[in-house]
Amino acid sequence: MKLIKPYITACLLLLLTASCSKDFLKEDPRSNLTPDNFYKTSNDLNMAAIGLYTQVNGAFNQSAGFSTLWGGDDMTVARAGNKISYSDFDTYQANSSNDRMTNWWSYFYATIKSSNSLINNYQNATEASEDDRNHAAGQAYFFRALSYFFLTRTWGEVPLTTDNTVDYNRSKSQPAEIYALIVADLQKAEAMLPDAWDGTKRQSGVDIPPTRGSAKALLANVYLTMAGWPLKQTDKYVLAAAKAKEVIDNKATWGYDLTTNYADLWKRGGKFNHETVFGCYYNVNVSGWAWENYNMLTPNAYAPDDEGGWGDGYGEINFYKKFPPGPRKEATYQSVYYINNDPNDAVDWTKTLHKHPYFFKFRDDDAFNPVNHVNNNWIGSHTVPVIRYAEVLLTYAEAKAMSASPDATAYAAINQVRNRSGIANLVAGLSQAAFRDSVIAERGWEFAGAEPAARWYDLIRTETVAKANSDRDASEEALKNIPNDASHTFYWAPIPVGDKQLNPNL
C-alpha cells in the first residue's frame, strides 16, 4: 500500500493539472485511426488483410459454428448437458435462441464488415503499389464471398450489405441476390489475387492466404450449389465444370494435388499439405492468449467421453455401416478405444459409453498421446481445410456429368478420389442420375464429420435431407420433427434471436 498510494496521488495531480489547461479538451484526430487516414501504405493494407484471417479462423476453430451441420446423416450427439444445442439441429428442433450457431453468424458478419472496409478503401492507399492494392482487395473479395456462401447455405435469406452503415431496419435478401454478389466477388478475386505468395505467407511450400487457384475452386463450388436448391439454375453446371477444370488442368501452378495417403491429411505432420486449396492455420505456441490462433476441434472436441474427451459429436451408426472399408474409413473413425485411457482395457465402438463410432479427424495433434489416447491440452494447431483438392475433383465429376454426360473425364476425376481411398473404380456406364448419386455419396464419405465441405450442404442442394435421415438407426436419438424435401422445412437454420430483437425485419 505504501507504494501504491503515492502513485495514485501522482496520477490524480497529473489529471487535475491537465484539467486546468484549456488544451486538455481539444481532440487530436491524428492519433485516431479512421478509413480516411489508415489505408495509405502497403503495410496498412497488409494489416487490414491479416485482420480478416483472425475472423475466419475464429469461425472454423471450434464445434460451435459447425453445430448447424448436425442435421446431416453423418453426425449425431448425446442429448445431454451442453450438447443439447448440437442435438437440437440433429433432431430438428433448433430455435432462434440456439447459442452455438451464433459463432458462425457473428464471425462471418465480422469478416464481411472488415472486408467491406478494405474493399471500399483500398484504392486510397496511394503509397502502396498497384499489386499490393490488388492483392489486398482480392483477399477481401474472397473472404466476403466465402462468408456469404456459408451464411446463405446455412440461413437462406440473410441481410446483404456491402458497406458498414448501421441499419436496424435492413431487410433480408433473397439467395439469388446473395449469390450474384458472391459470384461477382470471386470473379474479382480471380483477377486480383496472385498465383503464389512469398515470405511468411508461404510456409513449407504452401500458400497461407487464398490464391487465384483458391478463388477458382470456390467459384466452381458456388456454381455447383447454384445449380441445386434453392436456385436450381441448372445452366450453372457447365460453369462449375469449366471452372473446376481450370483448377485441375493448372494444378501445378498452385501446387495442388491429392495427398498420397488420406490419413496424412489428419496427422500432426500434415499441417502444411498440397491438398489444402484454402485452409485455416493455427499455432498453439503463440504466446499470450490468442483465441483465434488456437484450434479447439483438436484434440478434445470429438474424443470419446471414455477417454476424457468432450464428445461434441460422433458418427451416426447407419452412415458408418455404409461407409466403404479401407484406409479412408480407418483414418476417419477411431477403431480402438481405451477405457479411462488404459491400453489394457481396449474396446471397439460398440463398448463405449455412447456406443457410437467417433471421428478420428483432428485428434492426432501435438497434445495427443497415441500410446494411451490422453489429450494433454484442449487446444491444438491442426489445420482446418476449408477447400480441398478432392472437393475440386468431385465438383468437376458431378458438374461435368450433369451438364452433359458422365464421360471419361468425369470418371477419371471421381476415380482419383476413390482409388486414393482404397476403393475400386466406379462402375462404368452409369446413367446421369446414378453417377450424380455416386458422387454425392463419395463426397459424404470423403468429408464426413466436422469439415467445411459438409455433407449437410450436399443434402440441402440435392433436396434429400428427409430421405437421408429416414435411414436412421433405431438406437439414435429420435427426431423431434421430420424434415420435408418437398416443402424444404428445417433446411435453413433460424435467425439468431439477438439480431431479430435488434431488427424487426429479420
Protein backbone atom coordinates (compact mmCIF):
# COMPACT_ATOMS: atom_id res chain seq x y z
CA MET A 1 0.00 0.00 0.00
CA LYS A 2 2.88 2.39 0.71
CA LEU A 3 3.98 2.02 -2.91
CA ILE A 4 0.53 2.31 -4.42
CA LYS A 5 -0.73 5.41 -2.59
CA PRO A 6 1.95 7.85 -3.85
CA TYR A 7 1.35 6.50 -7.37
CA ILE A 8 -2.37 7.23 -7.11
CA THR A 9 -1.68 10.68 -5.71
CA ALA A 10 0.72 11.45 -8.53
CA CYS A 11 -1.85 10.33 -11.10
CA LEU A 12 -4.52 12.50 -9.55
CA LEU A 13 -2.20 15.51 -9.55
CA LEU A 14 -1.40 14.92 -13.20
CA LEU A 15 -5.07 14.64 -14.06
CA LEU A 16 -6.02 17.72 -12.12
CA THR A 17 -3.15 19.73 -13.57
CA ALA A 18 -4.10 18.70 -17.07
CA SER A 19 -7.75 19.52 -16.46
CA CYS A 20 -6.82 23.10 -15.71
CA SER A 21 -5.44 23.51 -19.19
CA LYS A 22 -7.76 24.77 -21.91
CA ASP A 23 -5.98 22.45 -24.36
CA PHE A 24 -6.97 19.33 -22.42
CA LEU A 25 -10.40 19.12 -24.05
CA LYS A 26 -9.06 19.59 -27.55
CA GLU A 27 -9.09 16.42 -29.65
CA ASP A 28 -6.15 15.48 -31.80
CA PRO A 29 -7.61 13.31 -34.59
CA ARG A 30 -4.15 12.47 -35.93
CA SER A 31 -3.89 9.64 -33.38
CA ASN A 32 -7.31 8.15 -34.24
CA LEU A 33 -7.42 5.52 -36.96
CA THR A 34 -10.22 6.02 -39.48
CA PRO A 35 -10.75 4.75 -43.03
CA ASP A 36 -9.69 8.20 -44.22
CA ASN A 37 -6.25 8.12 -42.62
CA PHE A 38 -5.49 4.41 -42.27
CA TYR A 39 -5.50 3.00 -45.80
CA LYS A 40 -2.36 4.69 -47.09
CA THR A 41 0.56 2.25 -47.28
CA SER A 42 1.25 -1.36 -48.21
CA ASN A 43 1.70 -2.09 -44.51
CA ASP A 44 -1.75 -0.67 -43.78
CA LEU A 45 -3.27 -2.95 -46.41
CA ASN A 46 -1.38 -5.95 -45.07
CA MET A 47 -2.56 -5.27 -41.52
CA ALA A 48 -6.16 -4.98 -42.73
CA ALA A 49 -5.88 -8.28 -44.62
CA ILE A 50 -4.37 -10.08 -41.62
CA GLY A 51 -7.38 -8.98 -39.59
CA LEU A 52 -9.60 -10.96 -41.98
CA TYR A 53 -7.75 -14.19 -41.17
CA THR A 54 -8.32 -13.71 -37.47
CA GLN A 55 -12.08 -13.60 -38.02
CA VAL A 56 -12.21 -16.54 -40.42
CA ASN A 57 -10.02 -18.58 -38.08
CA GLY A 58 -12.48 -17.88 -35.29
CA ALA A 59 -15.32 -19.25 -37.40
CA PHE A 60 -13.67 -22.60 -38.05
CA ASN A 61 -11.68 -23.32 -34.88
CA GLN A 62 -14.46 -24.79 -32.72
CA SER A 63 -17.51 -27.03 -32.92
CA ALA A 64 -20.00 -24.24 -32.21
CA GLY A 65 -20.47 -22.96 -35.75
CA PHE A 66 -20.44 -26.46 -37.16
CA SER A 67 -23.49 -27.23 -34.98
CA THR A 68 -25.80 -26.27 -37.85
CA LEU A 69 -24.39 -29.23 -39.82
CA TRP A 70 -25.60 -31.85 -37.33
CA GLY A 71 -28.77 -32.19 -39.40
CA GLY A 72 -26.85 -34.38 -41.83
CA ASP A 73 -26.97 -38.14 -41.56
CA ASP A 74 -23.25 -38.46 -40.80
CA MET A 75 -23.12 -36.89 -37.30
CA THR A 76 -25.07 -37.15 -34.08
CA VAL A 77 -24.52 -36.49 -30.39
CA ALA A 78 -25.87 -37.35 -26.94
CA ARG A 79 -28.78 -35.17 -25.92
CA ALA A 80 -27.43 -34.06 -22.55
CA GLY A 81 -25.70 -31.14 -20.87
CA ASN A 82 -24.08 -28.60 -23.15
CA LYS A 83 -24.52 -30.90 -26.16
CA ILE A 84 -28.25 -30.17 -26.38
CA SER A 85 -27.64 -27.22 -28.70
CA TYR A 86 -25.96 -29.60 -31.17
CA SER A 87 -28.67 -32.18 -30.65
CA ASP A 88 -31.34 -29.60 -31.45
CA PHE A 89 -30.07 -29.45 -35.03
CA ASP A 90 -29.59 -33.22 -35.16
CA THR A 91 -33.20 -33.81 -34.12
CA TYR A 92 -34.72 -30.81 -35.96
CA GLN A 93 -35.88 -28.68 -33.06
CA ALA A 94 -33.39 -25.78 -33.12
CA ASN A 95 -34.82 -22.32 -32.47
CA SER A 96 -33.55 -18.74 -32.63
CA SER A 97 -32.13 -18.98 -29.11
CA ASN A 98 -29.63 -21.70 -30.04
CA ASP A 99 -26.39 -20.45 -28.54
CA ARG A 100 -23.98 -22.48 -30.67
CA MET A 101 -24.92 -21.34 -34.15
CA THR A 102 -24.21 -17.68 -33.37
CA ASN A 103 -20.50 -18.40 -33.64
CA TRP A 104 -20.69 -18.63 -37.43
CA TRP A 105 -23.23 -15.83 -37.76
CA SER A 106 -21.10 -13.42 -35.74
CA TYR A 107 -17.70 -14.31 -37.18
CA PHE A 108 -18.87 -14.33 -40.79
CA TYR A 109 -20.58 -10.97 -40.45
CA ALA A 110 -17.49 -9.59 -38.70
CA THR A 111 -15.45 -10.82 -41.67
CA ILE A 112 -17.88 -9.14 -44.07
CA LYS A 113 -17.67 -5.86 -42.16
CA SER A 114 -13.87 -5.84 -42.31
CA SER A 115 -13.89 -6.95 -45.95
CA ASN A 116 -16.28 -4.12 -46.84
CA SER A 117 -13.97 -1.60 -45.23
CA LEU A 118 -10.95 -2.87 -47.15
CA ILE A 119 -12.82 -3.13 -50.45
CA ASN A 120 -14.22 0.39 -50.16
CA ASN A 121 -10.90 1.97 -49.19
CA TYR A 122 -8.02 0.05 -50.75
CA GLN A 123 -7.76 2.48 -53.67
CA ASN A 124 -6.92 5.22 -51.18
CA ALA A 125 -3.60 3.53 -50.42
CA THR A 126 -1.72 5.75 -52.85
CA GLU A 127 1.60 4.96 -51.17
CA ALA A 128 1.19 1.26 -51.98
CA SER A 129 1.93 -0.39 -55.31
CA GLU A 130 -0.88 -1.43 -57.61
CA ASP A 131 -0.05 -5.09 -56.98
CA ASP A 132 -0.28 -4.60 -53.23
CA ARG A 133 -3.63 -2.84 -53.58
CA ASN A 134 -5.00 -5.58 -55.81
CA HIS A 135 -3.72 -8.39 -53.61
CA ALA A 136 -5.27 -6.86 -50.50
CA ALA A 137 -8.62 -6.27 -52.20
CA GLY A 138 -8.53 -9.74 -53.74
CA GLN A 139 -8.31 -11.27 -50.28
CA ALA A 140 -11.21 -9.13 -49.07
CA TYR A 141 -13.38 -10.13 -52.04
CA PHE A 142 -12.53 -13.80 -51.43
CA PHE A 143 -13.38 -13.67 -47.73
CA ARG A 144 -16.59 -11.72 -48.25
CA ALA A 145 -17.70 -14.30 -50.83
CA LEU A 146 -16.73 -17.18 -48.55
CA SER A 147 -18.65 -15.66 -45.65
CA TYR A 148 -21.83 -15.04 -47.62
CA PHE A 149 -21.58 -18.54 -49.13
CA PHE A 150 -21.69 -20.12 -45.69
CA LEU A 151 -24.32 -17.69 -44.42
CA THR A 152 -26.84 -18.22 -47.23
CA ARG A 153 -26.36 -22.00 -47.32
CA THR A 154 -26.95 -22.12 -43.57
CA TRP A 155 -29.64 -19.46 -43.04
CA GLY A 156 -31.02 -18.89 -46.53
CA GLU A 157 -32.32 -15.31 -46.67
CA VAL A 158 -29.88 -13.10 -44.78
CA PRO A 159 -29.06 -9.37 -44.66
CA LEU A 160 -26.79 -8.31 -47.53
CA THR A 161 -24.51 -5.34 -47.07
CA THR A 162 -21.55 -4.02 -48.99
CA ASP A 163 -20.90 -1.07 -46.69
CA ASN A 164 -20.71 -0.66 -42.93
CA THR A 165 -23.74 1.51 -42.41
CA VAL A 166 -25.65 0.52 -39.28
CA ASP A 167 -29.24 -0.17 -40.31
CA TYR A 168 -31.57 -1.89 -37.85
CA ASN A 169 -34.29 -1.98 -40.47
CA ARG A 170 -32.34 -3.74 -43.16
CA SER A 171 -34.40 -6.45 -44.85
CA LYS A 172 -33.23 -9.95 -45.66
CA SER A 173 -32.05 -10.55 -49.23
CA GLN A 174 -33.09 -13.46 -51.39
CA PRO A 175 -30.46 -16.16 -52.09
CA ALA A 176 -30.34 -15.18 -55.78
CA GLU A 177 -29.18 -11.68 -54.87
CA ILE A 178 -26.65 -13.02 -52.41
CA TYR A 179 -25.22 -15.48 -54.93
CA ALA A 180 -24.93 -12.72 -57.52
CA LEU A 181 -22.63 -10.83 -55.15
CA ILE A 182 -20.68 -13.99 -54.30
CA VAL A 183 -20.00 -14.69 -57.99
CA ALA A 184 -19.02 -11.09 -58.69
CA ASP A 185 -16.68 -11.04 -55.68
CA LEU A 186 -14.96 -14.27 -56.69
CA GLN A 187 -14.52 -13.09 -60.26
CA LYS A 188 -12.76 -10.02 -58.89
CA ALA A 189 -10.68 -12.21 -56.55
CA GLU A 190 -9.63 -14.35 -59.53
CA ALA A 191 -8.31 -11.28 -61.32
CA MET A 192 -6.65 -9.64 -58.31
CA LEU A 193 -5.08 -12.47 -56.30
CA PRO A 194 -1.60 -13.79 -57.15
CA ASP A 195 -0.84 -17.37 -58.15
CA ALA A 196 1.58 -17.64 -55.22
CA TRP A 197 2.75 -15.69 -52.19
CA ASP A 198 6.19 -15.23 -50.72
CA GLY A 199 7.77 -14.57 -47.34
CA THR A 200 5.85 -15.63 -44.25
CA LYS A 201 2.69 -16.02 -46.35
CA ARG A 202 4.18 -19.19 -47.78
CA GLN A 203 5.05 -21.97 -45.33
CA SER A 204 6.70 -25.26 -46.30
CA GLY A 205 5.85 -24.59 -49.94
CA VAL A 206 2.16 -23.97 -49.14
CA ASP A 207 0.37 -20.64 -49.59
CA ILE A 208 -1.41 -19.48 -46.45
CA PRO A 209 -3.62 -16.72 -47.95
CA PRO A 210 -6.01 -17.56 -50.79
CA THR A 211 -4.57 -17.51 -54.30
CA ARG A 212 -6.09 -17.24 -57.75
CA GLY A 213 -6.49 -21.02 -57.61
CA SER A 214 -8.41 -20.78 -54.32
CA ALA A 215 -10.84 -18.30 -55.87
CA LYS A 216 -11.42 -20.51 -58.90
CA ALA A 217 -12.02 -23.58 -56.71
CA LEU A 218 -14.51 -21.76 -54.51
CA LEU A 219 -16.29 -20.33 -57.55
CA ALA A 220 -16.64 -23.84 -59.01
CA ASN A 221 -18.33 -24.98 -55.79
CA VAL A 222 -20.57 -21.90 -55.79
CA TYR A 223 -21.73 -22.63 -59.35
CA LEU A 224 -22.41 -26.26 -58.43
CA THR A 225 -24.50 -25.15 -55.46
CA MET A 226 -26.43 -22.64 -57.58
CA ALA A 227 -27.42 -25.50 -59.90
CA GLY A 228 -29.23 -27.15 -56.98
CA TRP A 229 -31.83 -25.98 -54.47
CA PRO A 230 -32.88 -23.26 -53.85
CA LEU A 231 -31.92 -21.55 -57.12
CA LYS A 232 -31.97 -24.61 -59.39
CA GLN A 233 -30.07 -22.75 -62.09
CA THR A 234 -29.04 -25.87 -63.96
CA ASP A 235 -27.12 -23.83 -66.53
CA LYS A 236 -24.52 -23.35 -63.79
CA TYR A 237 -23.40 -26.99 -64.14
CA VAL A 238 -21.47 -26.02 -67.28
CA LEU A 239 -19.80 -23.14 -65.46
CA ALA A 240 -18.96 -25.31 -62.46
CA ALA A 241 -17.34 -27.95 -64.63
CA ALA A 242 -15.36 -25.38 -66.61
CA LYS A 243 -14.09 -23.58 -63.51
CA ALA A 244 -13.13 -26.81 -61.73
CA LYS A 245 -11.32 -27.96 -64.86
CA GLU A 246 -9.27 -24.75 -64.83
CA VAL A 247 -8.02 -25.74 -61.39
CA ILE A 248 -7.39 -29.35 -62.38
CA ASP A 249 -5.59 -28.51 -65.61
CA ASN A 250 -3.39 -25.93 -63.90
CA LYS A 251 -2.91 -27.60 -60.53
CA ALA A 252 0.88 -27.39 -60.88
CA THR A 253 0.62 -23.60 -60.95
CA TRP A 254 -0.76 -23.62 -57.41
CA GLY A 255 0.85 -26.85 -56.23
CA TYR A 256 -2.43 -28.72 -55.68
CA ASP A 257 -2.77 -32.48 -55.59
CA LEU A 258 -4.24 -35.28 -53.52
CA THR A 259 -2.05 -36.47 -50.68
CA THR A 260 -0.85 -39.99 -51.42
CA ASN A 261 -2.37 -41.31 -48.20
CA TYR A 262 -5.67 -39.96 -46.91
CA ALA A 263 -4.54 -40.40 -43.31
CA ASP A 264 -1.66 -37.96 -43.83
CA LEU A 265 -4.18 -35.12 -44.02
CA TRP A 266 -5.05 -35.66 -40.37
CA LYS A 267 -1.65 -36.42 -38.89
CA ARG A 268 0.17 -33.82 -36.86
CA GLY A 269 2.85 -33.73 -39.55
CA GLY A 270 0.28 -32.84 -42.22
CA LYS A 271 -0.23 -29.25 -41.11
CA PHE A 272 1.04 -27.94 -44.45
CA ASN A 273 -0.09 -30.11 -47.35
CA HIS A 274 -0.76 -29.59 -51.04
CA GLU A 275 -4.32 -30.89 -50.92
CA THR A 276 -5.49 -27.86 -48.98
CA VAL A 277 -6.62 -25.34 -51.59
CA PHE A 278 -7.51 -22.94 -48.80
CA GLY A 279 -7.30 -23.63 -45.10
CA CYS A 280 -7.26 -22.06 -41.66
CA TYR A 281 -3.90 -22.40 -39.94
CA TYR A 282 -3.38 -22.36 -36.19
CA ASN A 283 -0.44 -22.30 -33.80
CA VAL A 284 -0.95 -23.26 -30.19
CA ASN A 285 2.54 -22.00 -29.36
CA VAL A 286 1.64 -18.34 -29.95
CA SER A 287 2.45 -16.56 -26.71
CA GLY A 288 -0.31 -14.96 -24.69
CA TRP A 289 -3.98 -15.71 -25.10
CA ALA A 290 -4.99 -15.58 -28.76
CA TRP A 291 -8.32 -17.35 -29.19
CA GLU A 292 -8.36 -17.31 -32.99
CA ASN A 293 -4.83 -18.73 -33.17
CA TYR A 294 -5.87 -21.94 -31.43
CA ASN A 295 -7.84 -24.86 -32.86
CA MET A 296 -10.43 -26.27 -30.49
CA LEU A 297 -11.59 -29.01 -32.86
CA THR A 298 -8.50 -30.85 -31.65
CA PRO A 299 -7.73 -32.92 -29.72
CA ASN A 300 -10.62 -32.93 -27.21
CA ALA A 301 -13.76 -31.93 -29.11
CA TYR A 302 -14.51 -35.25 -30.80
CA ALA A 303 -12.67 -37.52 -28.40
CA PRO A 304 -14.90 -40.07 -26.65
CA ASP A 305 -16.06 -39.44 -23.10
CA ASP A 306 -14.43 -42.76 -22.22
CA GLU A 307 -11.04 -41.20 -22.92
CA GLY A 308 -11.66 -37.84 -21.23
CA GLY A 309 -12.94 -36.11 -24.38
CA TRP A 310 -15.81 -33.70 -24.83
CA GLY A 311 -17.85 -35.84 -27.20
CA ASP A 312 -19.19 -32.86 -29.18
CA GLY A 313 -20.26 -35.27 -31.90
CA TYR A 314 -19.73 -38.74 -33.29
CA GLY A 315 -20.71 -40.82 -36.29
CA GLU A 316 -24.26 -41.96 -36.98
CA ILE A 317 -24.35 -45.75 -36.98
CA ASN A 318 -26.05 -46.43 -40.33
CA PHE A 319 -23.83 -43.94 -42.15
CA TYR A 320 -20.80 -45.62 -40.60
CA LYS A 321 -22.01 -49.05 -41.67
CA LYS A 322 -22.45 -47.90 -45.28
CA PHE A 323 -19.03 -46.25 -45.33
CA PRO A 324 -16.78 -48.37 -47.64
CA PRO A 325 -13.98 -50.14 -45.74
CA GLY A 326 -10.41 -49.15 -46.46
CA PRO A 327 -7.73 -46.66 -45.39
CA ARG A 328 -10.08 -43.67 -45.63
CA LYS A 329 -12.55 -45.20 -43.19
CA GLU A 330 -9.71 -46.21 -40.88
CA ALA A 331 -8.42 -42.64 -40.86
CA THR A 332 -11.88 -41.07 -40.49
CA TYR A 333 -13.04 -43.07 -37.48
CA GLN A 334 -11.33 -44.22 -34.32
CA SER A 335 -11.08 -48.00 -34.30
CA VAL A 336 -9.80 -48.81 -30.80
CA TYR A 337 -10.89 -47.10 -27.57
CA TYR A 338 -9.00 -47.16 -24.28
CA ILE A 339 -11.48 -47.03 -21.42
CA ASN A 340 -10.20 -44.46 -18.91
CA ASN A 341 -7.09 -44.21 -21.13
CA ASP A 342 -5.97 -47.70 -20.17
CA PRO A 343 -4.44 -49.55 -23.16
CA ASN A 344 -5.14 -52.80 -21.33
CA ASP A 345 -8.84 -52.07 -21.49
CA ALA A 346 -9.22 -51.70 -25.25
CA VAL A 347 -12.67 -52.00 -26.84
CA ASP A 348 -14.40 -51.21 -30.14
CA TRP A 349 -17.07 -48.53 -30.56
CA THR A 350 -19.91 -50.85 -29.52
CA LYS A 351 -18.45 -50.97 -25.99
CA THR A 352 -18.08 -47.22 -25.50
CA LEU A 353 -20.35 -45.18 -23.25
CA HIS A 354 -22.49 -43.91 -26.13
CA LYS A 355 -21.99 -46.97 -28.37
CA HIS A 356 -21.11 -44.94 -31.45
CA PRO A 357 -18.03 -44.68 -33.66
CA TYR A 358 -16.07 -41.50 -33.00
CA PHE A 359 -14.28 -39.41 -35.61
CA PHE A 360 -10.50 -39.51 -35.51
CA LYS A 361 -10.01 -36.45 -37.73
CA PHE A 362 -8.18 -33.65 -35.87
CA ARG A 363 -7.24 -35.94 -32.95
CA ASP A 364 -3.58 -36.51 -33.87
CA ASP A 365 -2.14 -33.20 -32.72
CA ASP A 366 0.89 -32.37 -30.55
CA ALA A 367 -1.19 -32.69 -27.38
CA PHE A 368 -2.44 -36.19 -28.25
CA ASN A 369 -0.62 -39.21 -26.82
CA PRO A 370 -1.18 -42.17 -29.18
CA VAL A 371 0.01 -44.63 -26.53
CA ASN A 372 -2.89 -44.09 -24.13
CA HIS A 373 -5.07 -41.56 -26.02
CA VAL A 374 -4.59 -38.92 -23.33
CA ASN A 375 -5.21 -35.36 -24.52
CA ASN A 376 -2.66 -33.16 -22.79
CA ASN A 377 -4.25 -29.91 -23.94
CA TRP A 378 -7.69 -28.79 -25.05
CA ILE A 379 -6.37 -26.60 -27.87
CA GLY A 380 -4.16 -27.51 -30.80
CA SER A 381 -2.54 -26.45 -34.06
CA HIS A 382 -4.33 -28.70 -36.54
CA THR A 383 -5.13 -27.10 -39.90
CA VAL A 384 -8.80 -26.90 -40.88
CA PRO A 385 -9.03 -27.44 -44.66
CA VAL A 386 -11.86 -25.21 -45.88
CA ILE A 387 -11.39 -26.28 -49.51
CA ARG A 388 -9.56 -29.47 -50.51
CA TYR A 389 -8.39 -30.56 -53.94
CA ALA A 390 -10.53 -33.69 -53.51
CA GLU A 391 -13.56 -31.38 -53.49
CA VAL A 392 -12.42 -29.80 -56.76
CA LEU A 393 -12.22 -33.25 -58.39
CA LEU A 394 -15.66 -34.27 -57.14
CA THR A 395 -17.17 -30.93 -58.12
CA TYR A 396 -15.88 -31.43 -61.64
CA ALA A 397 -17.13 -35.03 -61.82
CA GLU A 398 -20.67 -34.10 -60.78
CA ALA A 399 -20.88 -30.89 -62.79
CA LYS A 400 -19.50 -32.49 -65.94
CA ALA A 401 -21.95 -35.38 -65.72
CA MET A 402 -24.93 -33.11 -65.06
CA SER A 403 -24.03 -30.62 -67.79
CA ALA A 404 -23.61 -33.29 -70.46
CA SER A 405 -22.98 -36.90 -69.51
CA PRO A 406 -20.67 -38.96 -67.30
CA ASP A 407 -17.78 -39.02 -69.77
CA ALA A 408 -14.26 -40.39 -69.31
CA THR A 409 -13.02 -37.18 -67.65
CA ALA A 410 -15.81 -37.28 -65.07
CA TYR A 411 -15.00 -40.89 -64.26
CA ALA A 412 -11.29 -40.09 -64.04
CA ALA A 413 -11.96 -37.32 -61.51
CA ILE A 414 -14.08 -39.38 -59.13
CA ASN A 415 -11.82 -42.42 -59.50
CA GLN A 416 -8.81 -40.43 -58.34
CA VAL A 417 -10.60 -39.85 -55.04
CA ARG A 418 -11.88 -43.42 -54.82
CA ASN A 419 -8.52 -45.02 -55.60
CA ARG A 420 -6.72 -42.88 -53.02
CA SER A 421 -9.30 -44.15 -50.53
CA GLY A 422 -8.67 -47.80 -51.33
CA ILE A 423 -11.86 -48.23 -53.39
CA ALA A 424 -12.07 -49.66 -56.90
CA ASN A 425 -13.11 -47.57 -59.89
CA LEU A 426 -16.75 -46.57 -60.13
CA VAL A 427 -18.74 -48.99 -62.29
CA ALA A 428 -18.83 -47.82 -65.90
CA GLY A 429 -21.92 -46.96 -67.92
CA LEU A 430 -23.96 -45.28 -65.17
CA SER A 431 -26.85 -43.04 -66.04
CA GLN A 432 -26.54 -39.32 -65.36
CA ALA A 433 -28.64 -39.58 -62.19
CA ALA A 434 -26.86 -42.68 -60.91
CA PHE A 435 -23.46 -41.10 -61.50
CA ARG A 436 -24.52 -37.95 -59.64
CA ASP A 437 -25.77 -40.02 -56.72
CA SER A 438 -22.44 -41.83 -56.64
CA VAL A 439 -20.57 -38.53 -56.45
CA ILE A 440 -22.81 -37.28 -53.63
CA ALA A 441 -22.17 -40.50 -51.71
CA GLU A 442 -18.44 -40.16 -52.35
CA ARG A 443 -18.45 -36.60 -51.05
CA GLY A 444 -20.24 -37.80 -47.91
CA TRP A 445 -17.54 -40.33 -47.14
CA GLU A 446 -14.66 -38.05 -48.13
CA PHE A 447 -15.79 -35.13 -45.96
CA ALA A 448 -17.62 -36.95 -43.15
CA GLY A 449 -17.68 -35.19 -39.80
CA ALA A 450 -16.80 -31.59 -38.98
CA GLU A 451 -15.35 -30.49 -42.31
CA PRO A 452 -16.43 -27.26 -44.00
CA ALA A 453 -17.17 -29.27 -47.19
CA ALA A 454 -20.09 -30.63 -45.26
CA ARG A 455 -22.45 -33.47 -46.04
CA TRP A 456 -25.29 -31.23 -44.83
CA TYR A 457 -24.91 -28.80 -47.71
CA ASP A 458 -24.99 -31.61 -50.26
CA LEU A 459 -28.25 -32.89 -48.79
CA ILE A 460 -29.79 -29.42 -48.98
CA ARG A 461 -28.86 -28.65 -52.58
CA THR A 462 -29.97 -32.11 -53.76
CA GLU A 463 -33.20 -31.90 -51.70
CA THR A 464 -32.52 -35.18 -49.92
CA VAL A 465 -32.45 -34.13 -46.25
CA ALA A 466 -35.54 -36.15 -45.32
CA LYS A 467 -34.52 -39.08 -47.50
CA ALA A 468 -31.10 -39.34 -45.87
CA ASN A 469 -32.50 -39.05 -42.36
CA SER A 470 -35.14 -41.69 -42.98
CA ASP A 471 -32.39 -44.29 -42.70
CA ARG A 472 -31.65 -43.70 -39.03
CA ASP A 473 -30.68 -46.47 -36.64
CA ALA A 474 -33.33 -47.17 -34.01
CA SER A 475 -30.81 -46.51 -31.24
CA GLU A 476 -30.27 -42.88 -32.34
CA GLU A 477 -31.99 -40.01 -30.58
CA ALA A 478 -35.49 -39.81 -32.04
CA LEU A 479 -36.24 -36.92 -34.38
CA LYS A 480 -38.41 -34.27 -32.73
CA ASN A 481 -39.59 -33.04 -36.12
CA ILE A 482 -39.40 -34.58 -39.57
CA PRO A 483 -37.87 -32.54 -42.40
CA ASN A 484 -39.71 -32.41 -45.71
CA ASP A 485 -37.89 -32.48 -49.05
CA ALA A 486 -40.87 -31.08 -50.93
CA SER A 487 -41.57 -28.08 -48.69
CA HIS A 488 -37.93 -27.80 -47.51
CA THR A 489 -38.89 -27.46 -43.88
CA PHE A 490 -35.92 -27.44 -41.48
CA TYR A 491 -33.49 -26.88 -44.35
CA TRP A 492 -32.36 -23.49 -43.00
CA ALA A 493 -31.30 -22.51 -39.51
CA PRO A 494 -33.36 -19.91 -37.62
CA ILE A 495 -32.04 -16.33 -37.49
CA PRO A 496 -30.32 -15.71 -34.10
CA VAL A 497 -32.68 -14.10 -31.61
CA GLY A 498 -30.30 -11.26 -30.73
CA ASP A 499 -30.34 -9.87 -34.25
CA LYS A 500 -34.08 -10.43 -34.56
CA GLN A 501 -34.63 -8.29 -31.48
CA LEU A 502 -32.49 -5.51 -32.96
CA ASN A 503 -34.01 -5.69 -36.41
CA PRO A 504 -37.74 -6.42 -36.73
CA ASN A 505 -37.26 -7.18 -40.46
CA LEU A 506 -35.31 -10.33 -39.68
